[in-house]
Amino acid sequence: MNPNSMTPVDWAKRPLQKYVDFTGRAARAEYWWYVLAIIVLSIVARIIDNILGMNVVGTYGPLSLIVMLGLLVPNLAVSVRRLHDTNRSGWWILLPIIPYCAAFLFGGAAMMGAASGSSAGMMAGAGLAGIFLLIGFVCAIVLLVFMCLPSTPGENRYGPNPYGEGEGSTVAAE
């Protein structure tokens, strides 16, 4: 299908059609229309769960969990392909995860310090956890900026431009 004639619905369905495809490139339109569709779907699922009064994990009901788990792989795949489109490795997707894991570890250490009555250990662990949470937030912002950047013009190491080639491509002129 010609990328210039695709509708927002076509762009949003494309990541589902490429469910486990971590290779190639995903255009900004594909990524952001898909993200919008997932946000709307998640809100609808949460509303239905709340109407039915079904909360399984915290505020998440069974329908919300099914949506989240069912779309985990295509979410990762389209994110990796979007990074490829900006000529970056898909491993950048891990950028915010690493500091959050460290914050979790230091937060656990702070709780252990509190349980043992050591206020110094608790304060140090909590301080480090806060620093790592802040670093994770900054890393998430960096990843968001990467997702907003325009496509690499022409072909890059991950494949051809998803918008097509040439001056006649109206979408590529974004």
N, C-alpha and C. Protein backbone atom coordinates (compact mmCIF):
# COMPACT_ATOMS: atom_id res chain seq x y z
N MET A 1 0.84 -1.18 0.00
CA MET A 1 0.00 0.00 0.00
C MET A 1 0.88 1.24 0.00
N ASN A 2 0.51 2.23 -0.79
CA ASN A 2 1.26 3.47 -0.89
C ASN A 2 1.15 4.23 0.43
N PRO A 3 2.28 4.55 1.07
CA PRO A 3 2.23 5.24 2.36
C PRO A 3 1.53 6.59 2.29
N ASN A 4 1.56 7.23 1.14
CA ASN A 4 0.93 8.54 1.01
C ASN A 4 -0.59 8.47 0.95
N SER A 5 -1.14 7.28 0.69
CA SER A 5 -2.59 7.15 0.60
C SER A 5 -3.19 6.41 1.80
N MET A 6 -2.37 6.13 2.81
CA MET A 6 -2.85 5.41 3.98
C MET A 6 -3.62 6.34 4.91
N THR A 7 -4.70 5.82 5.48
CA THR A 7 -5.49 6.57 6.45
C THR A 7 -4.91 6.34 7.84
N PRO A 8 -5.31 7.14 8.83
CA PRO A 8 -4.85 6.90 10.20
C PRO A 8 -5.18 5.49 10.69
N VAL A 9 -6.33 4.96 10.30
CA VAL A 9 -6.69 3.60 10.72
C VAL A 9 -5.73 2.59 10.09
N ASP A 10 -5.35 2.80 8.83
CA ASP A 10 -4.38 1.90 8.18
C ASP A 10 -3.05 1.94 8.93
N TRP A 11 -2.61 3.14 9.30
CA TRP A 11 -1.35 3.26 10.03
C TRP A 11 -1.44 2.58 11.39
N ALA A 12 -2.58 2.73 12.07
CA ALA A 12 -2.74 2.14 13.41
C ALA A 12 -2.80 0.62 13.36
N LYS A 13 -3.34 0.05 12.27
CA LYS A 13 -3.43 -1.41 12.14
C LYS A 13 -2.11 -2.05 11.74
N ARG A 14 -1.24 -1.29 11.13
CA ARG A 14 0.00 -1.84 10.59
C ARG A 14 0.87 -2.56 11.64
N PRO A 15 1.05 -2.00 12.86
CA PRO A 15 1.84 -2.74 13.85
C PRO A 15 1.22 -4.07 14.25
N LEU A 16 -0.10 -4.18 14.19
CA LEU A 16 -0.74 -5.46 14.50
C LEU A 16 -0.52 -6.46 13.38
N GLN A 17 -0.43 -5.98 12.15
CA GLN A 17 -0.14 -6.85 11.02
C GLN A 17 1.31 -7.33 11.05
N LYS A 18 2.17 -6.53 11.67
CA LYS A 18 3.59 -6.89 11.82
C LYS A 18 3.86 -7.27 13.27
N TYR A 19 3.00 -8.08 13.84
CA TYR A 19 2.93 -8.38 15.27
C TYR A 19 4.30 -8.60 15.92
N VAL A 20 5.11 -9.49 15.37
CA VAL A 20 6.40 -9.83 15.99
C VAL A 20 7.58 -9.45 15.10
N ASP A 21 7.39 -8.51 14.21
CA ASP A 21 8.44 -8.11 13.29
C ASP A 21 9.27 -6.99 13.92
N PHE A 22 10.46 -7.33 14.35
CA PHE A 22 11.36 -6.36 14.96
C PHE A 22 12.38 -5.82 13.96
N THR A 23 12.23 -6.18 12.70
CA THR A 23 13.17 -5.73 11.67
C THR A 23 12.51 -4.67 10.81
N GLY A 24 13.33 -3.88 10.16
CA GLY A 24 12.82 -2.85 9.29
C GLY A 24 12.57 -1.55 10.05
N ARG A 25 11.72 -0.73 9.45
CA ARG A 25 11.49 0.61 9.98
C ARG A 25 10.00 0.90 10.11
N ALA A 26 9.65 1.75 11.06
CA ALA A 26 8.27 2.19 11.25
C ALA A 26 8.25 3.72 11.18
N ALA A 27 7.40 4.23 10.31
CA ALA A 27 7.29 5.67 10.14
C ALA A 27 6.66 6.31 11.38
N ARG A 28 6.85 7.62 11.50
CA ARG A 28 6.23 8.33 12.63
C ARG A 28 4.73 8.14 12.64
N ALA A 29 4.12 8.21 11.46
CA ALA A 29 2.65 8.06 11.39
C ALA A 29 2.22 6.70 11.91
N GLU A 30 2.94 5.66 11.53
CA GLU A 30 2.61 4.31 12.01
C GLU A 30 2.69 4.24 13.53
N TYR A 31 3.77 4.74 14.08
CA TYR A 31 3.99 4.67 15.52
C TYR A 31 2.94 5.48 16.28
N TRP A 32 2.77 6.74 15.91
CA TRP A 32 1.92 7.62 16.70
C TRP A 32 0.43 7.33 16.52
N TRP A 33 -0.03 6.91 15.34
CA TRP A 33 -1.43 6.51 15.20
C TRP A 33 -1.71 5.25 15.99
N TYR A 34 -0.73 4.34 16.02
CA TYR A 34 -0.87 3.12 16.82
C TYR A 34 -0.94 3.47 18.31
N VAL A 35 -0.07 4.37 18.78
CA VAL A 35 -0.07 4.77 20.18
C VAL A 35 -1.41 5.39 20.55
N LEU A 36 -1.94 6.25 19.69
CA LEU A 36 -3.24 6.85 19.96
C LEU A 36 -4.34 5.79 20.06
N ALA A 37 -4.31 4.82 19.13
CA ALA A 37 -5.31 3.75 19.16
C ALA A 37 -5.20 2.92 20.44
N ILE A 38 -3.99 2.65 20.89
CA ILE A 38 -3.78 1.87 22.11
C ILE A 38 -4.25 2.66 23.33
N ILE A 39 -4.02 3.95 23.36
CA ILE A 39 -4.49 4.77 24.48
C ILE A 39 -6.01 4.74 24.54
N VAL A 40 -6.67 4.92 23.40
CA VAL A 40 -8.13 4.89 23.37
C VAL A 40 -8.65 3.52 23.80
N LEU A 41 -8.05 2.45 23.27
CA LEU A 41 -8.46 1.09 23.62
C LEU A 41 -8.27 0.82 25.11
N SER A 42 -7.17 1.30 25.67
CA SER A 42 -6.91 1.10 27.10
C SER A 42 -7.91 1.85 27.96
N ILE A 43 -8.24 3.06 27.57
CA ILE A 43 -9.23 3.83 28.33
C ILE A 43 -10.58 3.13 28.29
N VAL A 44 -10.99 2.66 27.12
CA VAL A 44 -12.27 1.95 27.00
C VAL A 44 -12.25 0.69 27.86
N ALA A 45 -11.15 -0.06 27.84
CA ALA A 45 -11.05 -1.28 28.65
C ALA A 45 -11.15 -0.96 30.13
N ARG A 46 -10.48 0.11 30.58
CA ARG A 46 -10.53 0.50 32.00
C ARG A 46 -11.94 0.92 32.40
N ILE A 47 -12.62 1.65 31.51
CA ILE A 47 -13.99 2.08 31.80
C ILE A 47 -14.90 0.86 31.95
N ILE A 48 -14.77 -0.09 31.04
CA ILE A 48 -15.59 -1.31 31.12
C ILE A 48 -15.29 -2.08 32.40
N ASP A 49 -14.01 -2.21 32.74
CA ASP A 49 -13.63 -2.89 33.99
C ASP A 49 -14.23 -2.19 35.20
N ASN A 50 -14.18 -0.86 35.20
CA ASN A 50 -14.73 -0.11 36.35
C ASN A 50 -16.25 -0.22 36.41
N ILE A 51 -16.92 -0.20 35.27
CA ILE A 51 -18.38 -0.34 35.26
C ILE A 51 -18.78 -1.70 35.83
N LEU A 52 -18.01 -2.73 35.45
CA LEU A 52 -18.30 -4.08 35.93
C LEU A 52 -17.79 -4.30 37.36
N GLY A 53 -17.00 -3.35 37.88
CA GLY A 53 -16.47 -3.47 39.24
C GLY A 53 -15.47 -4.60 39.38
N MET A 54 -14.73 -4.86 38.33
CA MET A 54 -13.77 -5.97 38.35
C MET A 54 -12.34 -5.43 38.36
N ASN A 55 -11.71 -5.45 39.52
CA ASN A 55 -10.32 -5.06 39.65
C ASN A 55 -9.54 -6.28 40.11
N VAL A 56 -8.58 -6.69 39.30
CA VAL A 56 -7.78 -7.87 39.61
C VAL A 56 -6.46 -7.47 40.24
N VAL A 57 -5.73 -6.55 39.59
CA VAL A 57 -4.43 -6.09 40.07
C VAL A 57 -4.52 -4.58 40.23
N GLY A 58 -4.61 -4.11 41.46
CA GLY A 58 -4.74 -2.68 41.70
C GLY A 58 -6.02 -2.16 41.07
N THR A 59 -5.86 -1.19 40.18
CA THR A 59 -7.03 -0.63 39.50
C THR A 59 -7.26 -1.28 38.14
N TYR A 60 -6.47 -2.28 37.81
CA TYR A 60 -6.59 -2.95 36.51
C TYR A 60 -7.52 -4.14 36.62
N GLY A 61 -8.47 -4.20 35.71
CA GLY A 61 -9.38 -5.34 35.65
C GLY A 61 -8.91 -6.34 34.62
N PRO A 62 -9.66 -7.41 34.45
CA PRO A 62 -9.25 -8.46 33.51
C PRO A 62 -9.16 -7.98 32.07
N LEU A 63 -10.08 -7.12 31.64
CA LEU A 63 -10.04 -6.64 30.27
C LEU A 63 -8.81 -5.75 30.04
N SER A 64 -8.51 -4.90 31.00
CA SER A 64 -7.32 -4.04 30.90
C SER A 64 -6.05 -4.87 30.83
N LEU A 65 -5.98 -5.91 31.65
CA LEU A 65 -4.80 -6.78 31.66
C LEU A 65 -4.65 -7.54 30.34
N ILE A 66 -5.77 -8.00 29.79
CA ILE A 66 -5.73 -8.70 28.50
C ILE A 66 -5.22 -7.76 27.41
N VAL A 67 -5.70 -6.52 27.42
CA VAL A 67 -5.25 -5.54 26.42
C VAL A 67 -3.76 -5.28 26.59
N MET A 68 -3.31 -5.05 27.83
CA MET A 68 -1.90 -4.76 28.07
C MET A 68 -1.00 -5.93 27.67
N LEU A 69 -1.35 -7.12 28.11
CA LEU A 69 -0.50 -8.28 27.80
C LEU A 69 -0.58 -8.68 26.34
N GLY A 70 -1.77 -8.57 25.75
CA GLY A 70 -1.94 -8.94 24.35
C GLY A 70 -1.21 -8.02 23.40
N LEU A 71 -1.00 -6.78 23.80
CA LEU A 71 -0.34 -5.81 22.92
C LEU A 71 1.10 -5.53 23.31
N LEU A 72 1.63 -6.27 24.28
CA LEU A 72 3.00 -6.04 24.72
C LEU A 72 4.01 -6.26 23.58
N VAL A 73 3.89 -7.36 22.88
CA VAL A 73 4.86 -7.68 21.81
C VAL A 73 4.75 -6.68 20.66
N PRO A 74 3.54 -6.38 20.14
CA PRO A 74 3.51 -5.38 19.06
C PRO A 74 3.96 -3.99 19.52
N ASN A 75 3.73 -3.65 20.79
CA ASN A 75 4.22 -2.37 21.31
C ASN A 75 5.75 -2.32 21.24
N LEU A 76 6.38 -3.38 21.69
CA LEU A 76 7.85 -3.43 21.64
C LEU A 76 8.35 -3.43 20.20
N ALA A 77 7.68 -4.22 19.33
CA ALA A 77 8.13 -4.34 17.94
C ALA A 77 8.03 -3.00 17.21
N VAL A 78 6.92 -2.29 17.35
CA VAL A 78 6.78 -1.01 16.65
C VAL A 78 7.73 0.03 17.23
N SER A 79 8.01 -0.05 18.52
CA SER A 79 8.97 0.88 19.14
C SER A 79 10.37 0.64 18.61
N VAL A 80 10.75 -0.62 18.50
CA VAL A 80 12.07 -0.96 17.96
C VAL A 80 12.17 -0.51 16.50
N ARG A 81 11.13 -0.77 15.72
CA ARG A 81 11.15 -0.34 14.31
C ARG A 81 11.17 1.18 14.19
N ARG A 82 10.52 1.87 15.12
CA ARG A 82 10.55 3.34 15.09
C ARG A 82 11.96 3.84 15.38
N LEU A 83 12.64 3.21 16.33
CA LEU A 83 14.04 3.57 16.59
C LEU A 83 14.91 3.28 15.37
N HIS A 84 14.64 2.17 14.71
CA HIS A 84 15.37 1.85 13.47
C HIS A 84 15.17 2.95 12.43
N ASP A 85 13.97 3.50 12.37
CA ASP A 85 13.67 4.54 11.38
C ASP A 85 14.51 5.78 11.61
N THR A 86 14.91 6.04 12.85
CA THR A 86 15.78 7.17 13.15
C THR A 86 17.25 6.75 13.16
N ASN A 87 17.52 5.56 12.63
CA ASN A 87 18.86 4.99 12.49
C ASN A 87 19.51 4.72 13.86
N ARG A 88 18.69 4.25 14.80
CA ARG A 88 19.19 3.86 16.12
C ARG A 88 18.88 2.39 16.37
N SER A 89 19.70 1.78 17.18
CA SER A 89 19.48 0.39 17.54
C SER A 89 18.21 0.25 18.38
N GLY A 90 17.55 -0.88 18.24
CA GLY A 90 16.37 -1.16 19.05
C GLY A 90 16.68 -1.33 20.53
N TRP A 91 17.95 -1.53 20.86
CA TRP A 91 18.34 -1.68 22.25
C TRP A 91 18.13 -0.40 23.05
N TRP A 92 17.97 0.73 22.38
CA TRP A 92 17.68 1.98 23.08
C TRP A 92 16.38 1.88 23.88
N ILE A 93 15.54 0.96 23.53
CA ILE A 93 14.26 0.79 24.23
C ILE A 93 14.49 0.48 25.72
N LEU A 94 15.65 -0.07 26.03
CA LEU A 94 15.98 -0.41 27.42
C LEU A 94 16.47 0.78 28.23
N LEU A 95 16.70 1.91 27.58
CA LEU A 95 17.29 3.07 28.25
C LEU A 95 16.59 3.44 29.56
N PRO A 96 15.27 3.62 29.60
CA PRO A 96 14.66 3.99 30.88
C PRO A 96 14.48 2.82 31.84
N ILE A 97 14.54 1.60 31.35
CA ILE A 97 14.28 0.44 32.20
C ILE A 97 15.40 0.22 33.20
N ILE A 98 16.63 0.41 32.79
CA ILE A 98 17.79 0.14 33.64
C ILE A 98 17.78 1.01 34.91
N PRO A 99 17.59 2.34 34.80
CA PRO A 99 17.55 3.13 36.05
C PRO A 99 16.36 2.77 36.95
N TYR A 100 15.21 2.40 36.35
CA TYR A 100 14.07 2.02 37.17
C TYR A 100 14.35 0.73 37.94
N CYS A 101 15.07 -0.19 37.32
CA CYS A 101 15.45 -1.43 38.02
C CYS A 101 16.39 -1.10 39.19
N ALA A 102 17.33 -0.20 38.94
CA ALA A 102 18.24 0.20 40.02
C ALA A 102 17.46 0.89 41.15
N ALA A 103 16.49 1.73 40.79
CA ALA A 103 15.68 2.40 41.81
C ALA A 103 14.91 1.37 42.63
N PHE A 104 14.41 0.35 41.96
CA PHE A 104 13.69 -0.72 42.66
C PHE A 104 14.61 -1.42 43.66
N LEU A 105 15.84 -1.71 43.23
CA LEU A 105 16.79 -2.37 44.13
C LEU A 105 17.13 -1.49 45.33
N PHE A 106 17.43 -0.21 45.08
CA PHE A 106 17.77 0.67 46.19
C PHE A 106 16.56 0.98 47.06
N GLY A 107 15.38 1.03 46.47
CA GLY A 107 14.17 1.20 47.28
C GLY A 107 13.95 0.01 48.19
N GLY A 108 14.24 -1.19 47.69
CA GLY A 108 14.16 -2.39 48.52
C GLY A 108 15.18 -2.36 49.64
N ALA A 109 16.38 -1.84 49.32
CA ALA A 109 17.40 -1.72 50.36
C ALA A 109 16.96 -0.72 51.43
N ALA A 110 16.29 0.35 51.01
CA ALA A 110 15.80 1.33 51.97
C ALA A 110 14.74 0.71 52.88
N MET A 111 13.88 -0.12 52.31
CA MET A 111 12.85 -0.77 53.12
C MET A 111 13.48 -1.77 54.08
N MET A 112 14.52 -2.46 53.63
CA MET A 112 15.21 -3.40 54.51
C MET A 112 15.89 -2.64 55.65
N GLY A 113 16.47 -1.47 55.32
CA GLY A 113 17.09 -0.65 56.36
C GLY A 113 16.07 -0.16 57.37
N ALA A 114 14.89 0.19 56.90
CA ALA A 114 13.83 0.64 57.81
C ALA A 114 13.36 -0.51 58.69
N ALA A 115 13.30 -1.72 58.11
CA ALA A 115 12.85 -2.88 58.88
C ALA A 115 13.85 -3.25 59.97
N SER A 116 15.14 -3.00 59.69
CA SER A 116 16.15 -3.34 60.69
C SER A 116 16.38 -2.21 61.68
N GLY A 117 15.71 -1.08 61.47
CA GLY A 117 15.85 0.03 62.39
C GLY A 117 17.00 0.95 62.07
N SER A 118 17.65 0.76 60.95
CA SER A 118 18.79 1.59 60.55
C SER A 118 18.28 2.77 59.72
N SER A 119 18.18 3.92 60.35
CA SER A 119 17.67 5.09 59.63
C SER A 119 18.68 5.58 58.60
N ALA A 120 19.98 5.43 58.86
CA ALA A 120 20.99 5.87 57.90
C ALA A 120 20.91 5.02 56.63
N GLY A 121 20.75 3.72 56.79
CA GLY A 121 20.62 2.83 55.62
C GLY A 121 19.35 3.12 54.85
N MET A 122 18.29 3.42 55.59
CA MET A 122 17.03 3.72 54.93
C MET A 122 17.15 5.00 54.12
N MET A 123 17.75 6.04 54.70
CA MET A 123 17.88 7.33 54.01
C MET A 123 18.78 7.22 52.79
N ALA A 124 19.88 6.48 52.91
CA ALA A 124 20.79 6.33 51.77
C ALA A 124 20.11 5.57 50.64
N GLY A 125 19.43 4.49 50.97
CA GLY A 125 18.74 3.71 49.94
C GLY A 125 17.63 4.49 49.29
N ALA A 126 16.87 5.25 50.08
CA ALA A 126 15.79 6.05 49.53
C ALA A 126 16.33 7.17 48.65
N GLY A 127 17.43 7.77 49.07
CA GLY A 127 18.05 8.83 48.27
C GLY A 127 18.53 8.32 46.93
N LEU A 128 19.20 7.17 46.95
CA LEU A 128 19.68 6.58 45.70
C LEU A 128 18.51 6.14 44.80
N ALA A 129 17.48 5.61 45.41
CA ALA A 129 16.30 5.21 44.63
C ALA A 129 15.70 6.43 43.95
N GLY A 130 15.61 7.55 44.66
CA GLY A 130 15.08 8.78 44.08
C GLY A 130 15.93 9.28 42.93
N ILE A 131 17.24 9.21 43.09
CA ILE A 131 18.14 9.65 42.02
C ILE A 131 17.95 8.77 40.78
N PHE A 132 17.86 7.47 40.98
CA PHE A 132 17.67 6.58 39.84
C PHE A 132 16.30 6.76 39.19
N LEU A 133 15.28 7.07 39.97
CA LEU A 133 13.97 7.37 39.39
C LEU A 133 14.05 8.62 38.52
N LEU A 134 14.76 9.62 38.99
CA LEU A 134 14.94 10.84 38.20
C LEU A 134 15.70 10.55 36.92
N ILE A 135 16.76 9.76 37.01
CA ILE A 135 17.53 9.38 35.82
C ILE A 135 16.64 8.61 34.85
N GLY A 136 15.81 7.70 35.38
CA GLY A 136 14.89 6.96 34.52
C GLY A 136 13.90 7.86 33.82
N PHE A 137 13.41 8.88 34.51
CA PHE A 137 12.49 9.84 33.91
C PHE A 137 13.17 10.60 32.78
N VAL A 138 14.41 11.04 33.00
CA VAL A 138 15.16 11.75 31.96
C VAL A 138 15.39 10.82 30.76
N CYS A 139 15.71 9.56 31.03
CA CYS A 139 15.91 8.59 29.95
C CYS A 139 14.62 8.36 29.16
N ALA A 140 13.48 8.35 29.85
CA ALA A 140 12.20 8.20 29.16
C ALA A 140 11.93 9.40 28.26
N ILE A 141 12.30 10.60 28.70
CA ILE A 141 12.14 11.80 27.88
C ILE A 141 13.03 11.70 26.64
N VAL A 142 14.26 11.23 26.81
CA VAL A 142 15.17 11.05 25.67
C VAL A 142 14.56 10.08 24.67
N LEU A 143 14.01 8.98 25.15
CA LEU A 143 13.38 8.00 24.28
C LEU A 143 12.18 8.62 23.56
N LEU A 144 11.40 9.42 24.24
CA LEU A 144 10.26 10.11 23.62
C LEU A 144 10.74 11.03 22.50
N VAL A 145 11.83 11.75 22.73
CA VAL A 145 12.39 12.61 21.69
C VAL A 145 12.81 11.78 20.48
N PHE A 146 13.44 10.62 20.72
CA PHE A 146 13.83 9.75 19.61
C PHE A 146 12.61 9.34 18.78
N MET A 147 11.49 9.04 19.47
CA MET A 147 10.28 8.61 18.77
C MET A 147 9.66 9.74 17.95
N CYS A 148 9.95 10.98 18.33
CA CYS A 148 9.38 12.14 17.62
C CYS A 148 10.24 12.61 16.46
N LEU A 149 11.48 12.18 16.41
CA LEU A 149 12.37 12.63 15.34
C LEU A 149 11.91 12.14 13.98
N PRO A 150 12.21 12.89 12.92
CA PRO A 150 11.81 12.45 11.58
C PRO A 150 12.61 11.24 11.12
N SER A 151 12.10 10.61 10.09
CA SER A 151 12.76 9.45 9.51
C SER A 151 14.12 9.83 8.94
N THR A 152 15.03 8.87 8.94
CA THR A 152 16.28 9.05 8.23
C THR A 152 15.95 9.07 6.74
N PRO A 153 16.38 10.10 6.01
CA PRO A 153 16.04 10.13 4.58
C PRO A 153 16.70 8.97 3.84
N GLY A 154 15.98 8.45 2.88
CA GLY A 154 16.52 7.36 2.07
C GLY A 154 16.66 6.08 2.87
N GLU A 155 17.53 5.23 2.40
CA GLU A 155 17.75 3.94 3.06
C GLU A 155 18.78 4.10 4.17
N ASN A 156 18.58 3.40 5.27
CA ASN A 156 19.60 3.35 6.32
C ASN A 156 19.95 1.88 6.57
N ARG A 157 20.71 1.60 7.59
CA ARG A 157 21.17 0.23 7.83
C ARG A 157 20.04 -0.73 8.18
N TYR A 158 18.85 -0.22 8.48
CA TYR A 158 17.72 -1.07 8.85
C TYR A 158 16.73 -1.28 7.71
N GLY A 159 16.94 -0.63 6.59
CA GLY A 159 16.07 -0.84 5.45
C GLY A 159 15.68 0.46 4.76
N PRO A 160 14.78 0.34 3.80
CA PRO A 160 14.35 1.52 3.04
C PRO A 160 13.42 2.41 3.86
N ASN A 161 13.32 3.65 3.46
CA ASN A 161 12.44 4.61 4.11
C ASN A 161 11.00 4.12 3.97
N PRO A 162 10.26 4.01 5.07
CA PRO A 162 8.89 3.50 5.00
C PRO A 162 7.93 4.41 4.24
N TYR A 163 8.30 5.68 4.07
CA TYR A 163 7.46 6.60 3.31
C TYR A 163 7.71 6.49 1.81
N GLY A 164 8.73 5.78 1.42
CA GLY A 164 9.08 5.71 0.00
C GLY A 164 10.18 6.71 -0.32
N GLU A 165 10.59 6.70 -1.55
CA GLU A 165 11.70 7.54 -1.99
C GLU A 165 11.20 8.67 -2.86
N GLY A 166 12.05 9.65 -3.05
CA GLY A 166 11.80 10.68 -4.06
C GLY A 166 11.13 11.92 -3.50
N GLU A 167 11.18 12.94 -4.33
CA GLU A 167 10.61 14.23 -3.98
C GLU A 167 9.08 14.20 -3.97
N GLY A 168 8.48 13.24 -4.69
CA GLY A 168 7.03 13.18 -4.81
C GLY A 168 6.33 12.66 -3.58
N SER A 169 7.08 12.21 -2.57
CA SER A 169 6.47 11.67 -1.37
C SER A 169 6.02 12.81 -0.46
N THR A 170 4.72 13.01 -0.36
CA THR A 170 4.21 14.13 0.45
C THR A 170 4.37 13.87 1.94
N VAL A 171 4.31 12.62 2.35
CA VAL A 171 4.42 12.31 3.77
C VAL A 171 5.86 12.49 4.24
N ALA A 172 6.83 12.16 3.36
CA ALA A 172 8.24 12.25 3.73
C ALA A 172 8.67 13.72 3.92
N ALA A 173 7.90 14.66 3.43
CA ALA A 173 8.27 16.05 3.54
C ALA A 173 7.89 16.65 4.89
N GLU A 174 7.48 15.82 5.85
CA GLU A 174 7.07 16.31 7.16
C GLU A 174 8.13 17.18 7.79
